[in-house]
Amino acid sequence: MQRWIVIGVVAMVLMLGGGVFAYSTYKQNRPHPMWVPLPLNPALPGEKRLEIVKELTAKLKDEALLIQVSKDLELPRKLKLNSDEEAAREVSKRLFVKLGEVATPVGGTAPSINVGVSGKAKDAKISGEIAMRLMRDVWKILGIKPPPPKDAF
């Protein structure tokens, strides 16, 4: 009888361990997009917003720009790819530019352009770095002066 109890306890421990492992793997592989919102003037017409989104998408998916992003962030090493060109293609697949809304400091919302990268939860840090690096190019494309760095104060 004692042997059956020990076997039952061992089986339950193994099942519980397997369940914890499966759940953690599931959580790490869930979709987790990262984006940076760029507020727009609320008076800007919808057609102009869509035009800006299309223009940004086309310019951000430029291969030379994405290769430079890959070199700046050392993406082949981080994403375990062979070259900057492969990393640029991967970023191009993940890149999105969408219309959205952003909360304003005075309360309420304003229209925004969300520039970001889709990815898995386990790659959230890398996706965030890519999104922030792409924003430097967005500011150049749109002719906007970038905000001062946070450590400048």
N, C-alpha and C. Protein backbone atom coordinates (compact mmCIF):
# COMPACT_ATOMS: atom_id res chain seq x y z
N MET A 1 0.81 -1.19 0.00
CA MET A 1 0.00 0.00 0.00
C MET A 1 0.85 1.26 0.00
N GLN A 2 1.94 1.25 0.78
CA GLN A 2 2.79 2.43 0.86
C GLN A 2 3.47 2.72 -0.48
N ARG A 3 3.76 1.66 -1.23
CA ARG A 3 4.37 1.86 -2.54
C ARG A 3 3.42 2.61 -3.47
N TRP A 4 2.14 2.27 -3.42
CA TRP A 4 1.16 2.93 -4.28
C TRP A 4 1.01 4.40 -3.90
N ILE A 5 1.10 4.71 -2.64
CA ILE A 5 1.02 6.11 -2.20
C ILE A 5 2.23 6.88 -2.72
N VAL A 6 3.40 6.32 -2.62
CA VAL A 6 4.62 6.97 -3.11
C VAL A 6 4.53 7.16 -4.62
N ILE A 7 4.08 6.16 -5.34
CA ILE A 7 3.95 6.26 -6.79
C ILE A 7 2.93 7.34 -7.15
N GLY A 8 1.84 7.42 -6.43
CA GLY A 8 0.82 8.44 -6.66
C GLY A 8 1.36 9.85 -6.40
N VAL A 9 2.11 10.02 -5.32
CA VAL A 9 2.69 11.32 -5.00
C VAL A 9 3.70 11.74 -6.07
N VAL A 10 4.55 10.82 -6.50
CA VAL A 10 5.53 11.12 -7.54
C VAL A 10 4.82 11.50 -8.84
N ALA A 11 3.77 10.77 -9.20
CA ALA A 11 3.02 11.08 -10.41
C ALA A 11 2.39 12.46 -10.33
N MET A 12 1.84 12.80 -9.17
CA MET A 12 1.22 14.13 -9.00
C MET A 12 2.27 15.23 -9.08
N VAL A 13 3.43 15.03 -8.49
CA VAL A 13 4.49 16.03 -8.55
C VAL A 13 4.95 16.22 -9.99
N LEU A 14 5.12 15.13 -10.73
CA LEU A 14 5.52 15.23 -12.14
C LEU A 14 4.45 15.94 -12.97
N MET A 15 3.19 15.65 -12.71
CA MET A 15 2.11 16.32 -13.45
C MET A 15 2.08 17.80 -13.12
N LEU A 16 2.24 18.15 -11.86
CA LEU A 16 2.25 19.55 -11.45
C LEU A 16 3.44 20.28 -12.08
N GLY A 17 4.62 19.67 -12.06
CA GLY A 17 5.80 20.27 -12.69
C GLY A 17 5.62 20.46 -14.18
N GLY A 18 5.04 19.48 -14.84
CA GLY A 18 4.76 19.58 -16.27
C GLY A 18 3.76 20.69 -16.58
N GLY A 19 2.76 20.82 -15.72
CA GLY A 19 1.77 21.87 -15.90
C GLY A 19 2.37 23.26 -15.75
N VAL A 20 3.24 23.43 -14.76
CA VAL A 20 3.91 24.72 -14.56
C VAL A 20 4.80 25.04 -15.75
N PHE A 21 5.54 24.05 -16.24
CA PHE A 21 6.39 24.25 -17.41
C PHE A 21 5.56 24.63 -18.63
N ALA A 22 4.47 23.93 -18.87
CA ALA A 22 3.61 24.21 -20.02
C ALA A 22 3.02 25.61 -19.93
N TYR A 23 2.58 26.00 -18.75
CA TYR A 23 1.98 27.33 -18.57
C TYR A 23 3.01 28.43 -18.80
N SER A 24 4.23 28.25 -18.28
CA SER A 24 5.25 29.28 -18.47
C SER A 24 5.65 29.39 -19.95
N THR A 25 5.73 28.28 -20.64
CA THR A 25 6.02 28.29 -22.08
C THR A 25 4.91 28.99 -22.85
N TYR A 26 3.68 28.72 -22.47
CA TYR A 26 2.53 29.37 -23.10
C TYR A 26 2.59 30.88 -22.89
N LYS A 27 2.88 31.33 -21.67
CA LYS A 27 2.93 32.76 -21.36
C LYS A 27 4.04 33.45 -22.15
N GLN A 28 5.19 32.81 -22.32
CA GLN A 28 6.31 33.43 -23.02
C GLN A 28 6.07 33.54 -24.51
N ASN A 29 5.23 32.71 -25.07
CA ASN A 29 5.01 32.70 -26.51
C ASN A 29 3.74 33.42 -26.94
N ARG A 30 3.08 34.12 -26.02
CA ARG A 30 1.90 34.89 -26.40
C ARG A 30 2.30 36.13 -27.18
N PRO A 31 1.42 36.63 -28.06
CA PRO A 31 1.74 37.85 -28.80
C PRO A 31 1.91 39.03 -27.84
N HIS A 32 2.89 39.86 -28.12
CA HIS A 32 3.15 41.01 -27.27
C HIS A 32 3.72 42.15 -28.12
N PRO A 33 2.85 42.88 -28.84
CA PRO A 33 3.37 43.98 -29.67
C PRO A 33 3.83 45.15 -28.80
N MET A 34 4.85 45.83 -29.25
CA MET A 34 5.37 47.03 -28.57
C MET A 34 5.31 48.17 -29.58
N TRP A 35 4.77 49.33 -29.15
CA TRP A 35 4.68 50.46 -30.06
C TRP A 35 4.91 51.75 -29.30
N VAL A 36 5.21 52.79 -30.08
CA VAL A 36 5.38 54.13 -29.54
C VAL A 36 4.33 55.01 -30.21
N PRO A 37 3.46 55.65 -29.42
CA PRO A 37 2.44 56.51 -30.03
C PRO A 37 3.01 57.89 -30.35
N LEU A 38 2.64 58.42 -31.49
CA LEU A 38 3.02 59.76 -31.92
C LEU A 38 1.73 60.57 -32.03
N PRO A 39 1.45 61.47 -31.06
CA PRO A 39 0.18 62.22 -31.08
C PRO A 39 0.06 63.09 -32.33
N LEU A 40 -1.16 63.20 -32.81
CA LEU A 40 -1.47 64.02 -33.97
C LEU A 40 -2.40 65.16 -33.56
N ASN A 41 -2.45 66.16 -34.40
CA ASN A 41 -3.38 67.26 -34.20
C ASN A 41 -4.80 66.73 -34.42
N PRO A 42 -5.71 66.90 -33.45
CA PRO A 42 -7.08 66.40 -33.63
C PRO A 42 -7.81 67.02 -34.82
N ALA A 43 -7.37 68.22 -35.25
CA ALA A 43 -8.04 68.89 -36.37
C ALA A 43 -7.61 68.32 -37.72
N LEU A 44 -6.61 67.46 -37.74
CA LEU A 44 -6.12 66.88 -38.98
C LEU A 44 -7.18 65.93 -39.55
N PRO A 45 -7.56 66.11 -40.82
CA PRO A 45 -8.60 65.24 -41.39
C PRO A 45 -8.14 63.78 -41.50
N GLY A 46 -9.11 62.88 -41.53
CA GLY A 46 -8.83 61.45 -41.57
C GLY A 46 -8.05 61.01 -42.79
N GLU A 47 -8.32 61.63 -43.95
CA GLU A 47 -7.60 61.26 -45.17
C GLU A 47 -6.12 61.59 -45.04
N LYS A 48 -5.81 62.73 -44.43
CA LYS A 48 -4.41 63.13 -44.24
C LYS A 48 -3.71 62.17 -43.28
N ARG A 49 -4.41 61.73 -42.24
CA ARG A 49 -3.84 60.76 -41.29
C ARG A 49 -3.48 59.46 -42.00
N LEU A 50 -4.41 58.97 -42.83
CA LEU A 50 -4.14 57.73 -43.57
C LEU A 50 -2.98 57.90 -44.54
N GLU A 51 -2.88 59.09 -45.15
CA GLU A 51 -1.77 59.36 -46.07
C GLU A 51 -0.44 59.33 -45.32
N ILE A 52 -0.42 59.91 -44.11
CA ILE A 52 0.80 59.91 -43.30
C ILE A 52 1.18 58.48 -42.93
N VAL A 53 0.19 57.66 -42.56
CA VAL A 53 0.46 56.26 -42.20
C VAL A 53 1.05 55.50 -43.38
N LYS A 54 0.47 55.67 -44.57
CA LYS A 54 0.98 54.98 -45.75
C LYS A 54 2.41 55.42 -46.09
N GLU A 55 2.66 56.73 -45.99
CA GLU A 55 3.99 57.26 -46.28
C GLU A 55 5.02 56.72 -45.28
N LEU A 56 4.67 56.75 -44.00
CA LEU A 56 5.58 56.24 -42.98
C LEU A 56 5.87 54.76 -43.16
N THR A 57 4.83 53.99 -43.46
CA THR A 57 5.02 52.55 -43.66
C THR A 57 5.98 52.29 -44.81
N ALA A 58 5.79 53.00 -45.91
CA ALA A 58 6.66 52.80 -47.07
C ALA A 58 8.10 53.18 -46.76
N LYS A 59 8.30 54.31 -46.08
CA LYS A 59 9.66 54.77 -45.80
C LYS A 59 10.34 53.93 -44.72
N LEU A 60 9.57 53.46 -43.74
CA LEU A 60 10.17 52.66 -42.67
C LEU A 60 10.51 51.24 -43.13
N LYS A 61 9.85 50.75 -44.15
CA LYS A 61 10.15 49.40 -44.65
C LYS A 61 11.28 49.41 -45.68
N ASP A 62 11.93 50.55 -45.85
CA ASP A 62 13.09 50.65 -46.74
C ASP A 62 14.20 49.75 -46.20
N GLU A 63 14.75 48.92 -47.08
CA GLU A 63 15.73 47.92 -46.65
C GLU A 63 16.99 48.55 -46.06
N ALA A 64 17.46 49.65 -46.65
CA ALA A 64 18.67 50.29 -46.14
C ALA A 64 18.45 50.82 -44.72
N LEU A 65 17.30 51.39 -44.48
CA LEU A 65 16.98 51.90 -43.14
C LEU A 65 16.91 50.76 -42.12
N LEU A 66 16.27 49.66 -42.50
CA LEU A 66 16.15 48.53 -41.58
C LEU A 66 17.48 47.84 -41.32
N ILE A 67 18.36 47.82 -42.31
CA ILE A 67 19.70 47.26 -42.11
C ILE A 67 20.47 48.13 -41.11
N GLN A 68 20.31 49.45 -41.22
CA GLN A 68 20.97 50.34 -40.27
C GLN A 68 20.42 50.14 -38.86
N VAL A 69 19.12 49.95 -38.73
CA VAL A 69 18.51 49.66 -37.42
C VAL A 69 19.10 48.36 -36.88
N SER A 70 19.23 47.37 -37.73
CA SER A 70 19.78 46.09 -37.31
C SER A 70 21.22 46.24 -36.83
N LYS A 71 22.01 47.04 -37.54
CA LYS A 71 23.40 47.25 -37.12
C LYS A 71 23.47 48.00 -35.80
N ASP A 72 22.63 49.04 -35.66
CA ASP A 72 22.65 49.86 -34.44
C ASP A 72 22.30 49.04 -33.20
N LEU A 73 21.35 48.12 -33.35
CA LEU A 73 20.87 47.35 -32.20
C LEU A 73 21.48 45.96 -32.09
N GLU A 74 22.38 45.61 -33.01
CA GLU A 74 23.01 44.29 -33.03
C GLU A 74 21.95 43.17 -33.05
N LEU A 75 20.99 43.31 -33.94
CA LEU A 75 19.87 42.37 -33.99
C LEU A 75 20.24 40.96 -34.41
N PRO A 76 21.22 40.75 -35.31
CA PRO A 76 21.53 39.34 -35.64
C PRO A 76 21.92 38.53 -34.41
N ARG A 77 22.67 39.15 -33.51
CA ARG A 77 23.07 38.44 -32.28
C ARG A 77 21.87 38.23 -31.37
N LYS A 78 21.04 39.26 -31.21
CA LYS A 78 19.91 39.18 -30.28
C LYS A 78 18.81 38.25 -30.78
N LEU A 79 18.58 38.25 -32.10
CA LEU A 79 17.52 37.41 -32.67
C LEU A 79 18.05 36.07 -33.18
N LYS A 80 19.34 35.83 -32.99
CA LYS A 80 19.99 34.58 -33.42
C LYS A 80 19.81 34.35 -34.92
N LEU A 81 20.17 35.39 -35.70
CA LEU A 81 20.12 35.32 -37.15
C LEU A 81 21.54 35.43 -37.70
N ASN A 82 21.70 35.15 -38.99
CA ASN A 82 23.03 35.10 -39.58
C ASN A 82 23.58 36.45 -40.03
N SER A 83 22.70 37.38 -40.45
CA SER A 83 23.20 38.63 -41.01
C SER A 83 22.24 39.78 -40.72
N ASP A 84 22.72 40.98 -41.01
CA ASP A 84 21.87 42.16 -40.85
C ASP A 84 20.73 42.16 -41.85
N GLU A 85 20.95 41.59 -43.03
CA GLU A 85 19.89 41.53 -44.03
C GLU A 85 18.73 40.65 -43.56
N GLU A 86 19.06 39.52 -42.95
CA GLU A 86 18.02 38.65 -42.40
C GLU A 86 17.26 39.36 -41.27
N ALA A 87 18.00 40.05 -40.43
CA ALA A 87 17.36 40.78 -39.33
C ALA A 87 16.47 41.89 -39.89
N ALA A 88 16.90 42.56 -40.94
CA ALA A 88 16.09 43.61 -41.57
C ALA A 88 14.81 43.03 -42.14
N ARG A 89 14.89 41.85 -42.77
CA ARG A 89 13.67 41.21 -43.29
C ARG A 89 12.73 40.84 -42.16
N GLU A 90 13.28 40.35 -41.04
CA GLU A 90 12.45 39.98 -39.89
C GLU A 90 11.75 41.20 -39.30
N VAL A 91 12.49 42.31 -39.18
CA VAL A 91 11.90 43.54 -38.65
C VAL A 91 10.83 44.05 -39.61
N SER A 92 11.07 43.93 -40.91
CA SER A 92 10.08 44.37 -41.90
C SER A 92 8.78 43.58 -41.76
N LYS A 93 8.88 42.28 -41.48
CA LYS A 93 7.68 41.46 -41.28
C LYS A 93 6.93 41.88 -40.03
N ARG A 94 7.67 42.24 -38.97
CA ARG A 94 7.06 42.56 -37.69
C ARG A 94 6.58 44.01 -37.58
N LEU A 95 7.10 44.90 -38.42
CA LEU A 95 6.83 46.33 -38.34
C LEU A 95 5.36 46.64 -38.64
N PHE A 96 4.78 47.56 -37.86
CA PHE A 96 3.45 48.05 -38.18
C PHE A 96 3.35 49.54 -37.88
N VAL A 97 2.52 50.22 -38.65
CA VAL A 97 2.20 51.62 -38.44
C VAL A 97 0.69 51.70 -38.52
N LYS A 98 0.05 52.08 -37.40
CA LYS A 98 -1.41 52.09 -37.33
C LYS A 98 -1.90 53.41 -36.74
N LEU A 99 -3.14 53.71 -37.04
CA LEU A 99 -3.81 54.83 -36.38
C LEU A 99 -4.34 54.35 -35.04
N GLY A 100 -4.29 55.20 -34.05
CA GLY A 100 -4.80 54.84 -32.73
C GLY A 100 -5.12 56.09 -31.92
N GLU A 101 -5.18 55.93 -30.64
CA GLU A 101 -5.43 57.04 -29.73
C GLU A 101 -4.43 56.98 -28.60
N VAL A 102 -4.12 58.14 -28.05
CA VAL A 102 -3.18 58.23 -26.94
C VAL A 102 -3.79 59.13 -25.86
N ALA A 103 -3.56 58.80 -24.61
CA ALA A 103 -4.03 59.63 -23.50
C ALA A 103 -3.19 60.90 -23.44
N THR A 104 -3.86 62.02 -23.22
CA THR A 104 -3.16 63.29 -23.13
C THR A 104 -2.90 63.66 -21.68
N PRO A 105 -1.91 64.51 -21.41
CA PRO A 105 -1.62 64.88 -20.03
C PRO A 105 -2.75 65.66 -19.35
N VAL A 106 -3.57 66.34 -20.13
CA VAL A 106 -4.67 67.12 -19.55
C VAL A 106 -5.92 66.29 -19.36
N GLY A 107 -5.88 65.04 -19.70
CA GLY A 107 -7.06 64.17 -19.60
C GLY A 107 -7.73 64.09 -20.96
N GLY A 108 -8.27 62.97 -21.27
CA GLY A 108 -8.87 62.76 -22.57
C GLY A 108 -7.92 62.03 -23.49
N THR A 109 -8.29 61.98 -24.76
CA THR A 109 -7.47 61.28 -25.73
C THR A 109 -7.26 62.15 -26.96
N ALA A 110 -6.24 61.81 -27.72
CA ALA A 110 -5.94 62.48 -28.98
C ALA A 110 -5.60 61.40 -29.99
N PRO A 111 -5.83 61.66 -31.27
CA PRO A 111 -5.46 60.68 -32.28
C PRO A 111 -3.94 60.53 -32.33
N SER A 112 -3.49 59.35 -32.69
CA SER A 112 -2.05 59.11 -32.75
C SER A 112 -1.72 58.14 -33.87
N ILE A 113 -0.44 58.14 -34.22
CA ILE A 113 0.10 57.13 -35.11
C ILE A 113 0.95 56.23 -34.23
N ASN A 114 0.63 54.95 -34.23
CA ASN A 114 1.38 53.98 -33.42
C ASN A 114 2.38 53.27 -34.32
N VAL A 115 3.66 53.49 -34.03
CA VAL A 115 4.74 52.85 -34.78
C VAL A 115 5.32 51.78 -33.87
N GLY A 116 5.30 50.54 -34.32
CA GLY A 116 5.77 49.48 -33.44
C GLY A 116 6.15 48.21 -34.14
N VAL A 117 6.41 47.22 -33.30
CA VAL A 117 6.88 45.92 -33.76
C VAL A 117 6.08 44.85 -33.03
N SER A 118 5.56 43.88 -33.77
CA SER A 118 4.87 42.76 -33.13
C SER A 118 5.90 41.70 -32.79
N GLY A 119 5.61 40.95 -31.76
CA GLY A 119 6.53 39.90 -31.34
C GLY A 119 5.93 39.09 -30.21
N LYS A 120 6.75 38.24 -29.62
CA LYS A 120 6.31 37.40 -28.51
C LYS A 120 6.68 38.07 -27.20
N ALA A 121 6.04 37.62 -26.13
CA ALA A 121 6.30 38.19 -24.82
C ALA A 121 7.75 38.02 -24.39
N LYS A 122 8.37 36.92 -24.76
CA LYS A 122 9.76 36.69 -24.35
C LYS A 122 10.72 37.62 -25.09
N ASP A 123 10.29 38.23 -26.21
CA ASP A 123 11.11 39.18 -26.96
C ASP A 123 10.66 40.62 -26.75
N ALA A 124 9.92 40.90 -25.70
CA ALA A 124 9.36 42.23 -25.48
C ALA A 124 10.44 43.30 -25.37
N LYS A 125 11.54 43.01 -24.72
CA LYS A 125 12.61 43.99 -24.57
C LYS A 125 13.20 44.36 -25.92
N ILE A 126 13.46 43.36 -26.75
CA ILE A 126 14.03 43.61 -28.08
C ILE A 126 13.02 44.39 -28.93
N SER A 127 11.75 44.02 -28.86
CA SER A 127 10.72 44.72 -29.62
C SER A 127 10.63 46.18 -29.20
N GLY A 128 10.74 46.44 -27.91
CA GLY A 128 10.71 47.82 -27.42
C GLY A 128 11.90 48.62 -27.91
N GLU A 129 13.08 48.01 -27.93
CA GLU A 129 14.27 48.69 -28.43
C GLU A 129 14.12 49.02 -29.91
N ILE A 130 13.58 48.09 -30.68
CA ILE A 130 13.39 48.33 -32.11
C ILE A 130 12.40 49.46 -32.33
N ALA A 131 11.29 49.46 -31.58
CA ALA A 131 10.28 50.51 -31.73
C ALA A 131 10.87 51.88 -31.40
N MET A 132 11.64 51.97 -30.33
CA MET A 132 12.25 53.26 -29.96
C MET A 132 13.28 53.70 -31.01
N ARG A 133 14.03 52.77 -31.55
CA ARG A 133 15.01 53.12 -32.59
C ARG A 133 14.31 53.59 -33.86
N LEU A 134 13.19 52.95 -34.20
CA LEU A 134 12.44 53.37 -35.39
C LEU A 134 11.86 54.77 -35.22
N MET A 135 11.55 55.16 -33.99
CA MET A 135 11.00 56.49 -33.76
C MET A 135 12.01 57.58 -34.13
N ARG A 136 13.29 57.32 -33.94
CA ARG A 136 14.29 58.32 -34.36
C ARG A 136 14.18 58.58 -35.86
N ASP A 137 13.93 57.51 -36.63
CA ASP A 137 13.76 57.67 -38.08
C ASP A 137 12.43 58.33 -38.41
N VAL A 138 11.40 58.04 -37.64
CA VAL A 138 10.09 58.67 -37.87
C VAL A 138 10.21 60.18 -37.69
N TRP A 139 10.92 60.61 -36.64
CA TRP A 139 11.09 62.05 -36.42
C TRP A 139 11.83 62.70 -37.59
N LYS A 140 12.84 62.01 -38.13
CA LYS A 140 13.56 62.54 -39.29
C LYS A 140 12.65 62.61 -40.51
N ILE A 141 11.87 61.56 -40.75
CA ILE A 141 10.99 61.50 -41.91
C ILE A 141 9.95 62.61 -41.85
N LEU A 142 9.37 62.83 -40.68
CA LEU A 142 8.32 63.83 -40.53
C LEU A 142 8.87 65.24 -40.27
N GLY A 143 10.17 65.36 -40.04
CA GLY A 143 10.76 66.67 -39.80
C GLY A 143 10.43 67.22 -38.42
N ILE A 144 10.29 66.33 -37.45
CA ILE A 144 9.94 66.72 -36.08
C ILE A 144 11.22 66.72 -35.25
N LYS A 145 11.35 67.73 -34.40
CA LYS A 145 12.49 67.77 -33.48
C LYS A 145 12.25 66.73 -32.39
N PRO A 146 13.19 65.79 -32.19
CA PRO A 146 12.98 64.76 -31.18
C PRO A 146 12.99 65.34 -29.77
N PRO A 147 12.27 64.71 -28.85
CA PRO A 147 12.27 65.21 -27.48
C PRO A 147 13.66 65.01 -26.86
N PRO A 148 13.99 65.83 -25.86
CA PRO A 148 15.30 65.68 -25.22
C PRO A 148 15.39 64.36 -24.48
N PRO A 149 16.58 63.78 -24.39
CA PRO A 149 16.72 62.53 -23.64
C PRO A 149 16.38 62.74 -22.17
N LYS A 150 15.90 61.69 -21.53
CA LYS A 150 15.46 61.80 -20.13
C LYS A 150 16.62 62.10 -19.19
N ASP A 151 17.86 61.68 -19.52
CA ASP A 151 18.96 61.93 -18.62
C ASP A 151 19.60 63.29 -18.88
N ALA A 152 18.99 64.13 -19.71
CA ALA A 152 19.55 65.45 -20.01
C ALA A 152 19.29 66.43 -18.85
N PHE A 153 18.41 66.10 -17.96
CA PHE A 153 18.06 67.03 -16.88
C PHE A 153 18.91 66.82 -15.70
